[in-house]
């Protein structure tokens, strides 16, 4: 598995090197790469959109994967998702 800033922060949380609040704060202050393709504009793009998109390292995909692997609890996941959403909303407003 490739590592990213997100996976490294989650690993630090699991190891007790960082608290949930510290990781959430870092999630609020980082830039999150886009993981969705734009809406298809041509028939070819429509067909291509049916293929699953690959995970984007350093994105929300890493956070979801950590939860799916049970590396973080539901409470931790909710806190970190909200922190990531705060960052994404702030970036859109600027």
PDB file of N, CA and C in Angstrom:
ATOM      1  N   UNK A   1       0.842  -1.183   0.000  1.00  0.00           N
ATOM      2  CA  UNK A   1       0.000   0.000   0.000  1.00  0.00           C
ATOM      3  C   UNK A   1       0.890   1.250   0.000  1.00  0.00           C
ATOM      4  N   UNK A   2       0.573   2.174  -0.869  1.00  0.00           N
ATOM      5  CA  UNK A   2       1.318   3.429  -0.934  1.00  0.00           C
ATOM      6  C   UNK A   2       0.939   4.308   0.244  1.00  0.00           C
ATOM      7  N   UNK A   3       1.898   5.101   0.694  1.00  0.00           N
ATOM      8  CA  UNK A   3       1.599   6.016   1.788  1.00  0.00           C
ATOM      9  C   UNK A   3       1.392   7.421   1.243  1.00  0.00           C
ATOM     10  N   UNK A   4       0.684   8.197   2.029  1.00  0.00           N
ATOM     11  CA  UNK A   4       0.424   9.590   1.695  1.00  0.00           C
ATOM     12  C   UNK A   4       0.380  10.351   3.007  1.00  0.00           C
ATOM     13  N   UNK A   5       0.219  11.653   2.925  1.00  0.00           N
ATOM     14  CA  UNK A   5       0.091  12.453   4.146  1.00  0.00           C
ATOM     15  C   UNK A   5      -1.092  11.954   4.972  1.00  0.00           C
ATOM     16  N   UNK A   6      -2.191  11.613   4.302  1.00  0.00           N
ATOM     17  CA  UNK A   6      -3.387  11.149   5.003  1.00  0.00           C
ATOM     18  C   UNK A   6      -3.107   9.826   5.710  1.00  0.00           C
ATOM     19  N   UNK A   7      -2.518   8.870   5.014  1.00  0.00           N
ATOM     20  CA  UNK A   7      -2.237   7.573   5.645  1.00  0.00           C
ATOM     21  C   UNK A   7      -1.214   7.720   6.760  1.00  0.00           C
ATOM     22  N   UNK A   8      -0.255   8.617   6.589  1.00  0.00           N
ATOM     23  CA  UNK A   8       0.742   8.851   7.644  1.00  0.00           C
ATOM     24  C   UNK A   8       0.095   9.448   8.892  1.00  0.00           C
ATOM     25  N   UNK A   9      -0.833  10.389   8.707  1.00  0.00           N
ATOM     26  CA  UNK A   9      -1.521  10.992   9.850  1.00  0.00           C
ATOM     27  C   UNK A   9      -2.401   9.968  10.565  1.00  0.00           C
ATOM     28  N   UNK A  10      -3.063   9.120   9.805  1.00  0.00           N
ATOM     29  CA  UNK A  10      -3.891   8.079  10.418  1.00  0.00           C
ATOM     30  C   UNK A  10      -3.011   7.086  11.178  1.00  0.00           C
ATOM     31  N   UNK A  11      -1.863   6.755  10.620  1.00  0.00           N
ATOM     32  CA  UNK A  11      -0.932   5.852  11.315  1.00  0.00           C
ATOM     33  C   UNK A  11      -0.444   6.486  12.617  1.00  0.00           C
ATOM     34  N   UNK A  12      -0.171   7.780  12.593  1.00  0.00           N
ATOM     35  CA  UNK A  12       0.275   8.480  13.807  1.00  0.00           C
ATOM     36  C   UNK A  12      -0.843   8.498  14.850  1.00  0.00           C
ATOM     37  N   UNK A  13      -2.082   8.647  14.416  1.00  0.00           N
ATOM     38  CA  UNK A  13      -3.227   8.588  15.319  1.00  0.00           C
ATOM     39  C   UNK A  13      -3.317   7.210  15.961  1.00  0.00           C
ATOM     40  N   UNK A  14      -3.214   6.187  15.151  1.00  0.00           N
ATOM     41  CA  UNK A  14      -3.310   4.812  15.660  1.00  0.00           C
ATOM     42  C   UNK A  14      -2.182   4.489  16.622  1.00  0.00           C
ATOM     43  N   UNK A  15      -0.995   5.040  16.375  1.00  0.00           N
ATOM     44  CA  UNK A  15       0.171   4.773  17.221  1.00  0.00           C
ATOM     45  C   UNK A  15       0.158   5.614  18.492  1.00  0.00           C
ATOM     46  N   UNK A  16      -0.733   6.598  18.560  1.00  0.00           N
ATOM     47  CA  UNK A  16      -0.789   7.466  19.725  1.00  0.00           C
ATOM     48  C   UNK A  16       0.185   8.623  19.661  1.00  0.00           C
ATOM     49  N   UNK A  17       0.840   8.811  18.519  1.00  0.00           N
ATOM     50  CA  UNK A  17       1.779   9.918  18.358  1.00  0.00           C
ATOM     51  C   UNK A  17       1.052  11.250  18.174  1.00  0.00           C
ATOM     52  N   UNK A  18      -0.181  11.192  17.661  1.00  0.00           N
ATOM     53  CA  UNK A  18      -1.016  12.383  17.493  1.00  0.00           C
ATOM     54  C   UNK A  18      -2.403  12.071  18.052  1.00  0.00           C
ATOM     55  N   UNK A  19      -3.056  13.092  18.576  1.00  0.00           N
ATOM     56  CA  UNK A  19      -4.423  12.921  19.061  1.00  0.00           C
ATOM     57  C   UNK A  19      -5.401  13.089  17.904  1.00  0.00           C
ATOM     58  N   UNK A  20      -6.635  12.703  18.131  1.00  0.00           N
ATOM     59  CA  UNK A  20      -7.670  12.887  17.118  1.00  0.00           C
ATOM     60  C   UNK A  20      -7.832  14.366  16.787  1.00  0.00           C
ATOM     61  N   UNK A  21      -7.793  15.226  17.794  1.00  0.00           N
ATOM     62  CA  UNK A  21      -7.911  16.678  17.549  1.00  0.00           C
ATOM     63  C   UNK A  21      -6.761  17.200  16.702  1.00  0.00           C
ATOM     64  N   UNK A  22      -5.545  16.701  16.937  1.00  0.00           N
ATOM     65  CA  UNK A  22      -4.391  17.142  16.152  1.00  0.00           C
ATOM     66  C   UNK A  22      -4.517  16.709  14.695  1.00  0.00           C
ATOM     67  N   UNK A  23      -4.955  15.470  14.470  1.00  0.00           N
ATOM     68  CA  UNK A  23      -5.122  14.992  13.094  1.00  0.00           C
ATOM     69  C   UNK A  23      -6.254  15.768  12.416  1.00  0.00           C
ATOM     70  N   UNK A  24      -7.354  15.979  13.118  1.00  0.00           N
ATOM     71  CA  UNK A  24      -8.468  16.741  12.548  1.00  0.00           C
ATOM     72  C   UNK A  24      -8.020  18.153  12.178  1.00  0.00           C
ATOM     73  N   UNK A  25      -7.215  18.782  13.022  1.00  0.00           N
ATOM     74  CA  UNK A  25      -6.712  20.123  12.725  1.00  0.00           C
ATOM     75  C   UNK A  25      -5.862  20.117  11.450  1.00  0.00           C
ATOM     76  N   UNK A  26      -5.033  19.118  11.307  1.00  0.00           N
ATOM     77  CA  UNK A  26      -4.214  19.024  10.080  1.00  0.00           C
ATOM     78  C   UNK A  26      -5.087  18.774   8.863  1.00  0.00           C
ATOM     79  N   UNK A  27      -6.138  17.971   9.032  1.00  0.00           N
ATOM     80  CA  UNK A  27      -7.059  17.734   7.913  1.00  0.00           C
ATOM     81  C   UNK A  27      -7.754  19.036   7.509  1.00  0.00           C
ATOM     82  N   UNK A  28      -8.074  19.880   8.473  1.00  0.00           N
ATOM     83  CA  UNK A  28      -8.744  21.158   8.170  1.00  0.00           C
ATOM     84  C   UNK A  28      -7.825  22.125   7.418  1.00  0.00           C
ATOM     85  N   UNK A  29      -6.529  21.969   7.583  1.00  0.00           N
ATOM     86  CA  UNK A  29      -5.589  22.928   7.002  1.00  0.00           C
ATOM     87  C   UNK A  29      -4.813  22.392   5.806  1.00  0.00           C
ATOM     88  N   UNK A  30      -5.231  21.291   5.263  1.00  0.00           N
ATOM     89  CA  UNK A  30      -4.547  20.762   4.080  1.00  0.00           C
ATOM     90  C   UNK A  30      -5.459  20.891   2.866  1.00  0.00           C
ATOM     91  N   UNK A  31      -4.854  20.788   1.706  1.00  0.00           N
ATOM     92  CA  UNK A  31      -5.612  20.827   0.461  1.00  0.00           C
ATOM     93  C   UNK A  31      -5.962  19.389   0.077  1.00  0.00           C
ATOM     94  N   UNK A  32      -7.198  19.161  -0.310  1.00  0.00           N
ATOM     95  CA  UNK A  32      -7.666  17.831  -0.666  1.00  0.00           C
ATOM     96  C   UNK A  32      -7.825  17.740  -2.175  1.00  0.00           C
ATOM     97  N   UNK A  33      -7.135  16.788  -2.801  1.00  0.00           N
ATOM     98  CA  UNK A  33      -7.273  16.662  -4.260  1.00  0.00           C
ATOM     99  C   UNK A  33      -8.677  16.206  -4.645  1.00  0.00           C
ATOM    100  N   UNK A  34      -9.113  16.636  -5.790  1.00  0.00           N
ATOM    101  CA  UNK A  34     -10.414  16.228  -6.317  1.00  0.00           C
ATOM    102  C   UNK A  34     -10.337  14.757  -6.737  1.00  0.00           C
ATOM    103  N   UNK A  35     -11.414  14.035  -6.495  1.00  0.00           N
ATOM    104  CA  UNK A  35     -11.423  12.614  -6.840  1.00  0.00           C
ATOM    105  C   UNK A  35     -12.520  12.254  -7.828  1.00  0.00           C
ATOM    106  N   UNK A  36     -13.300  13.222  -8.219  1.00  0.00           N
ATOM    107  CA  UNK A  36     -14.392  12.933  -9.149  1.00  0.00           C
ATOM    108  C   UNK A  36     -14.142  13.570 -10.503  1.00  0.00           C
ATOM    109  N   UNK A  37     -14.515  12.840 -11.525  1.00  0.00           N
ATOM    110  CA  UNK A  37     -14.408  13.367 -12.886  1.00  0.00           C
ATOM    111  C   UNK A  37     -15.534  14.367 -13.140  1.00  0.00           C
ATOM    112  N   UNK A  38     -15.294  15.284 -14.063  1.00  0.00           N
ATOM    113  CA  UNK A  38     -16.383  16.184 -14.434  1.00  0.00           C
ATOM    114  C   UNK A  38     -17.495  15.394 -15.138  1.00  0.00           C
ATOM    115  N   UNK A  39     -18.674  15.966 -15.207  1.00  0.00           N
ATOM    116  CA  UNK A  39     -19.798  15.304 -15.882  1.00  0.00           C
ATOM    117  C   UNK A  39     -19.445  15.042 -17.342  1.00  0.00           C
ATOM    118  N   UNK A  40     -19.805  13.873 -17.854  1.00  0.00           N
ATOM    119  CA  UNK A  40     -19.468  13.549 -19.250  1.00  0.00           C
ATOM    120  C   UNK A  40     -20.178  14.483 -20.223  1.00  0.00           C
ATOM    121  N   UNK A  41     -19.430  14.893 -21.264  1.00  0.00           N
ATOM    122  CA  UNK A  41     -19.982  15.812 -22.254  1.00  0.00           C
ATOM    123  C   UNK A  41     -20.186  15.141 -23.614  1.00  0.00           C
ATOM    124  N   UNK A  42     -19.576  13.973 -23.805  1.00  0.00           N
ATOM    125  CA  UNK A  42     -19.685  13.267 -25.082  1.00  0.00           C
ATOM    126  C   UNK A  42     -20.082  11.815 -24.810  1.00  0.00           C
ATOM    127  N   UNK A  43     -20.555  11.118 -25.831  1.00  0.00           N
ATOM    128  CA  UNK A  43     -20.879   9.702 -25.642  1.00  0.00           C
ATOM    129  C   UNK A  43     -19.669   8.875 -25.183  1.00  0.00           C
ATOM    130  N   UNK A  44     -18.497   9.190 -25.698  1.00  0.00           N
ATOM    131  CA  UNK A  44     -17.290   8.470 -25.285  1.00  0.00           C
ATOM    132  C   UNK A  44     -17.010   8.704 -23.804  1.00  0.00           C
ATOM    133  N   UNK A  45     -17.112   9.940 -23.356  1.00  0.00           N
ATOM    134  CA  UNK A  45     -16.911  10.239 -21.937  1.00  0.00           C
ATOM    135  C   UNK A  45     -17.964   9.550 -21.070  1.00  0.00           C
ATOM    136  N   UNK A  46     -19.183   9.418 -21.600  1.00  0.00           N
ATOM    137  CA  UNK A  46     -20.246   8.734 -20.860  1.00  0.00           C
ATOM    138  C   UNK A  46     -19.867   7.272 -20.625  1.00  0.00           C
ATOM    139  N   UNK A  47     -19.368   6.602 -21.661  1.00  0.00           N
ATOM    140  CA  UNK A  47     -18.947   5.204 -21.529  1.00  0.00           C
ATOM    141  C   UNK A  47     -17.772   5.100 -20.571  1.00  0.00           C
ATOM    142  N   UNK A  48     -16.805   6.002 -20.694  1.00  0.00           N
ATOM    143  CA  UNK A  48     -15.635   5.981 -19.810  1.00  0.00           C
ATOM    144  C   UNK A  48     -16.035   6.217 -18.352  1.00  0.00           C
ATOM    145  N   UNK A  49     -17.090   6.976 -18.131  1.00  0.00           N
ATOM    146  CA  UNK A  49     -17.508   7.274 -16.765  1.00  0.00           C
ATOM    147  C   UNK A  49     -18.074   6.044 -16.052  1.00  0.00           C
ATOM    148  N   UNK A  50     -18.383   5.000 -16.778  1.00  0.00           N
ATOM    149  CA  UNK A  50     -18.904   3.771 -16.188  1.00  0.00           C
ATOM    150  C   UNK A  50     -17.808   2.956 -15.498  1.00  0.00           C
ATOM    151  N   UNK A  51     -16.562   3.173 -15.895  1.00  0.00           N
ATOM    152  CA  UNK A  51     -15.438   2.487 -15.254  1.00  0.00           C
ATOM    153  C   UNK A  51     -15.186   3.101 -13.882  1.00  0.00           C
ATOM    154  N   UNK A  52     -14.892   2.261 -12.892  1.00  0.00           N
ATOM    155  CA  UNK A  52     -14.582   2.832 -11.573  1.00  0.00           C
ATOM    156  C   UNK A  52     -13.302   3.660 -11.641  1.00  0.00           C
ATOM    157  N   UNK A  53     -13.321   4.733 -10.892  1.00  0.00           N
ATOM    158  CA  UNK A  53     -12.146   5.600 -10.852  1.00  0.00           C
ATOM    159  C   UNK A  53     -11.121   5.015  -9.882  1.00  0.00           C
ATOM    160  N   UNK A  54      -9.841   5.128 -10.209  1.00  0.00           N
ATOM    161  CA  UNK A  54      -8.829   4.640  -9.259  1.00  0.00           C
ATOM    162  C   UNK A  54      -8.763   5.555  -8.038  1.00  0.00           C
ATOM    163  N   UNK A  55      -8.331   4.999  -6.918  1.00  0.00           N
ATOM    164  CA  UNK A  55      -8.155   5.815  -5.716  1.00  0.00           C
ATOM    165  C   UNK A  55      -7.075   6.854  -5.952  1.00  0.00           C
ATOM    166  N   UNK A  56      -7.267   8.020  -5.378  1.00  0.00           N
ATOM    167  CA  UNK A  56      -6.310   9.115  -5.498  1.00  0.00           C
ATOM    168  C   UNK A  56      -5.536   9.203  -4.182  1.00  0.00           C
ATOM    169  N   UNK A  57      -4.220   8.917  -4.202  1.00  0.00           N
ATOM    170  CA  UNK A  57      -3.435   9.001  -2.960  1.00  0.00           C
ATOM    171  C   UNK A  57      -3.497  10.405  -2.366  1.00  0.00           C
ATOM    172  N   UNK A  58      -3.605  10.461  -1.043  1.00  0.00           N
ATOM    173  CA  UNK A  58      -3.646  11.749  -0.356  1.00  0.00           C
ATOM    174  C   UNK A  58      -5.015  12.399  -0.373  1.00  0.00           C
ATOM    175  N   UNK A  59      -6.012  11.656  -0.842  1.00  0.00           N
ATOM    176  CA  UNK A  59      -7.356  12.213  -0.935  1.00  0.00           C
ATOM    177  C   UNK A  59      -8.271  11.577   0.110  1.00  0.00           C
ATOM    178  N   UNK A  60      -9.521  11.958   0.030  1.00  0.00           N
ATOM    179  CA  UNK A  60     -10.552  11.385   0.882  1.00  0.00           C
ATOM    180  C   UNK A  60     -10.594   9.864   0.734  1.00  0.00           C
ATOM    181  N   UNK A  61     -10.173   9.360  -0.429  1.00  0.00           N
ATOM    182  CA  UNK A  61     -10.144   7.913  -0.655  1.00  0.00           C
ATOM    183  C   UNK A  61      -9.323   7.205   0.424  1.00  0.00           C
ATOM    184  N   UNK A  62      -8.201   7.796   0.829  1.00  0.00           N
ATOM    185  CA  UNK A  62      -7.357   7.191   1.868  1.00  0.00           C
ATOM    186  C   UNK A  62      -8.089   7.119   3.207  1.00  0.00           C
ATOM    187  N   UNK A  63      -8.864   8.144   3.508  1.00  0.00           N
ATOM    188  CA  UNK A  63      -9.625   8.170   4.756  1.00  0.00           C
ATOM    189  C   UNK A  63     -10.707   7.095   4.746  1.00  0.00           C
ATOM    190  N   UNK A  64     -11.429   6.989   3.647  1.00  0.00           N
ATOM    191  CA  UNK A  64     -12.464   5.963   3.528  1.00  0.00           C
ATOM    192  C   UNK A  64     -11.879   4.560   3.601  1.00  0.00           C
ATOM    193  N   UNK A  65     -10.746   4.369   2.948  1.00  0.00           N
ATOM    194  CA  UNK A  65     -10.106   3.055   2.965  1.00  0.00           C
ATOM    195  C   UNK A  65      -9.663   2.675   4.378  1.00  0.00           C
ATOM    196  N   UNK A  66      -9.154   3.634   5.134  1.00  0.00           N
ATOM    197  CA  UNK A  66      -8.734   3.357   6.515  1.00  0.00           C
ATOM    198  C   UNK A  66      -9.933   2.929   7.358  1.00  0.00           C
ATOM    199  N   UNK A  67     -11.060   3.564   7.157  1.00  0.00           N
ATOM    200  CA  UNK A  67     -12.267   3.178   7.888  1.00  0.00           C
ATOM    201  C   UNK A  67     -12.720   1.787   7.451  1.00  0.00           C
ATOM    202  N   UNK A  68     -12.710   1.536   6.152  1.00  0.00           N
ATOM    203  CA  UNK A  68     -13.123   0.230   5.641  1.00  0.00           C
ATOM    204  C   UNK A  68     -12.242  -0.894   6.179  1.00  0.00           C
ATOM    205  N   UNK A  69     -10.959  -0.592   6.383  1.00  0.00           N
ATOM    206  CA  UNK A  69     -10.018  -1.591   6.927  1.00  0.00           C
ATOM    207  C   UNK A  69     -10.079  -1.654   8.456  1.00  0.00           C
ATOM    208  N   UNK A  70     -10.966  -0.843   9.046  1.00  0.00           N
ATOM    209  CA  UNK A  70     -11.154  -0.776  10.497  1.00  0.00           C
ATOM    210  C   UNK A  70      -9.900  -0.283  11.232  1.00  0.00           C
ATOM    211  N   UNK A  71      -9.177   0.610  10.572  1.00  0.00           N
ATOM    212  CA  UNK A  71      -7.994   1.212  11.191  1.00  0.00           C
ATOM    213  C   UNK A  71      -8.380   2.379  12.087  1.00  0.00           C
ATOM    214  N   UNK A  72      -9.566   2.928  11.859  1.00  0.00           N
ATOM    215  CA  UNK A  72     -10.084   4.010  12.696  1.00  0.00           C
ATOM    216  C   UNK A  72     -11.522   3.668  13.065  1.00  0.00           C
ATOM    217  N   UNK A  73     -11.953   4.204  14.199  1.00  0.00           N
ATOM    218  CA  UNK A  73     -13.312   3.943  14.675  1.00  0.00           C
ATOM    219  C   UNK A  73     -14.309   4.817  13.931  1.00  0.00           C
ATOM    220  N   UNK A  74     -15.586   4.503  14.129  1.00  0.00           N
ATOM    221  CA  UNK A  74     -16.649   5.309  13.520  1.00  0.00           C
ATOM    222  C   UNK A  74     -16.570   6.748  14.010  1.00  0.00           C
ATOM    223  N   UNK A  75     -16.320   6.941  15.305  1.00  0.00           N
ATOM    224  CA  UNK A  75     -16.203   8.296  15.866  1.00  0.00           C
ATOM    225  C   UNK A  75     -15.024   9.046  15.239  1.00  0.00           C
ATOM    226  N   UNK A  76     -13.886   8.385  15.123  1.00  0.00           N
ATOM    227  CA  UNK A  76     -12.721   9.016  14.503  1.00  0.00           C
ATOM    228  C   UNK A  76     -13.013   9.360  13.047  1.00  0.00           C
ATOM    229  N   UNK A  77     -13.639   8.432  12.347  1.00  0.00           N
ATOM    230  CA  UNK A  77     -13.979   8.656  10.944  1.00  0.00           C
ATOM    231  C   UNK A  77     -14.880   9.880  10.799  1.00  0.00           C
ATOM    232  N   UNK A  78     -15.921   9.952  11.618  1.00  0.00           N
ATOM    233  CA  UNK A  78     -16.843  11.098  11.544  1.00  0.00           C
ATOM    234  C   UNK A  78     -16.129  12.414  11.810  1.00  0.00           C
ATOM    235  N   UNK A  79     -15.267  12.422  12.807  1.00  0.00           N
ATOM    236  CA  UNK A  79     -14.524  13.638  13.132  1.00  0.00           C
ATOM    237  C   UNK A  79     -13.613  14.040  11.974  1.00  0.00           C
ATOM    238  N   UNK A  80     -12.923  13.075  11.398  1.00  0.00           N
ATOM    239  CA  UNK A  80     -11.982  13.380  10.320  1.00  0.00           C
ATOM    240  C   UNK A  80     -12.693  13.734   9.020  1.00  0.00           C
ATOM    241  N   UNK A  81     -13.825  13.105   8.750  1.00  0.00           N
ATOM    242  CA  UNK A  81     -14.610  13.464   7.565  1.00  0.00           C
ATOM    243  C   UNK A  81     -15.084  14.906   7.675  1.00  0.00           C
ATOM    244  N   UNK A  82     -15.552  15.283   8.842  1.00  0.00           N
ATOM    245  CA  UNK A  82     -16.019  16.659   9.041  1.00  0.00           C
ATOM    246  C   UNK A  82     -14.868  17.653   8.876  1.00  0.00           C
ATOM    247  N   UNK A  83     -13.695  17.307   9.374  1.00  0.00           N
ATOM    248  CA  UNK A  83     -12.524  18.181   9.224  1.00  0.00           C
ATOM    249  C   UNK A  83     -12.145  18.321   7.752  1.00  0.00           C
ATOM    250  N   UNK A  84     -12.171  17.216   7.020  1.00  0.00           N
ATOM    251  CA  UNK A  84     -11.863  17.269   5.586  1.00  0.00           C
ATOM    252  C   UNK A  84     -12.902  18.114   4.858  1.00  0.00           C
ATOM    253  N   UNK A  85     -14.162  17.941   5.213  1.00  0.00           N
ATOM    254  CA  UNK A  85     -15.229  18.728   4.579  1.00  0.00           C
ATOM    255  C   UNK A  85     -15.056  20.217   4.864  1.00  0.00           C
ATOM    256  N   UNK A  86     -14.645  20.565   6.085  1.00  0.00           N
ATOM    257  CA  UNK A  86     -14.384  21.973   6.421  1.00  0.00           C
ATOM    258  C   UNK A  86     -13.327  22.555   5.486  1.00  0.00           C
ATOM    259  N   UNK A  87     -12.265  21.786   5.258  1.00  0.00           N
ATOM    260  CA  UNK A  87     -11.192  22.238   4.389  1.00  0.00           C
ATOM    261  C   UNK A  87     -11.672  22.420   2.959  1.00  0.00           C
ATOM    262  N   UNK A  88     -12.418  21.458   2.460  1.00  0.00           N
ATOM    263  CA  UNK A  88     -12.916  21.522   1.086  1.00  0.00           C
ATOM    264  C   UNK A  88     -13.872  22.698   0.917  1.00  0.00           C
ATOM    265  N   UNK A  89     -14.763  22.919   1.877  1.00  0.00           N
ATOM    266  CA  UNK A  89     -15.686  24.072   1.802  1.00  0.00           C
ATOM    267  C   UNK A  89     -14.907  25.390   1.820  1.00  0.00           C
ATOM    268  N   UNK A  90     -13.912  25.488   2.683  1.00  0.00           N
ATOM    269  CA  UNK A  90     -13.127  26.727   2.764  1.00  0.00           C
ATOM    270  C   UNK A  90     -12.381  26.990   1.455  1.00  0.00           C
ATOM    271  N   UNK A  91     -11.880  25.933   0.848  1.00  0.00           N
ATOM    272  CA  UNK A  91     -11.149  26.079  -0.411  1.00  0.00           C
ATOM    273  C   UNK A  91     -12.077  26.542  -1.529  1.00  0.00           C
ATOM    274  N   UNK A  92     -13.295  26.052  -1.540  1.00  0.00           N
ATOM    275  CA  UNK A  92     -14.271  26.455  -2.569  1.00  0.00           C
ATOM    276  C   UNK A  92     -14.683  27.904  -2.417  1.00  0.00           C
ATOM    277  N   UNK A  93     -14.707  28.396  -1.174  1.00  0.00           N
ATOM    278  CA  UNK A  93     -15.134  29.776  -0.927  1.00  0.00           C
ATOM    279  C   UNK A  93     -14.051  30.795  -1.219  1.00  0.00           C
ATOM    280  N   UNK A  94     -12.816  30.335  -1.302  1.00  0.00           N
ATOM    281  CA  UNK A  94     -11.732  31.303  -1.537  1.00  0.00           C
ATOM    282  C   UNK A  94     -11.412  31.486  -2.987  1.00  0.00           C
TER     283      UNK A  94
END
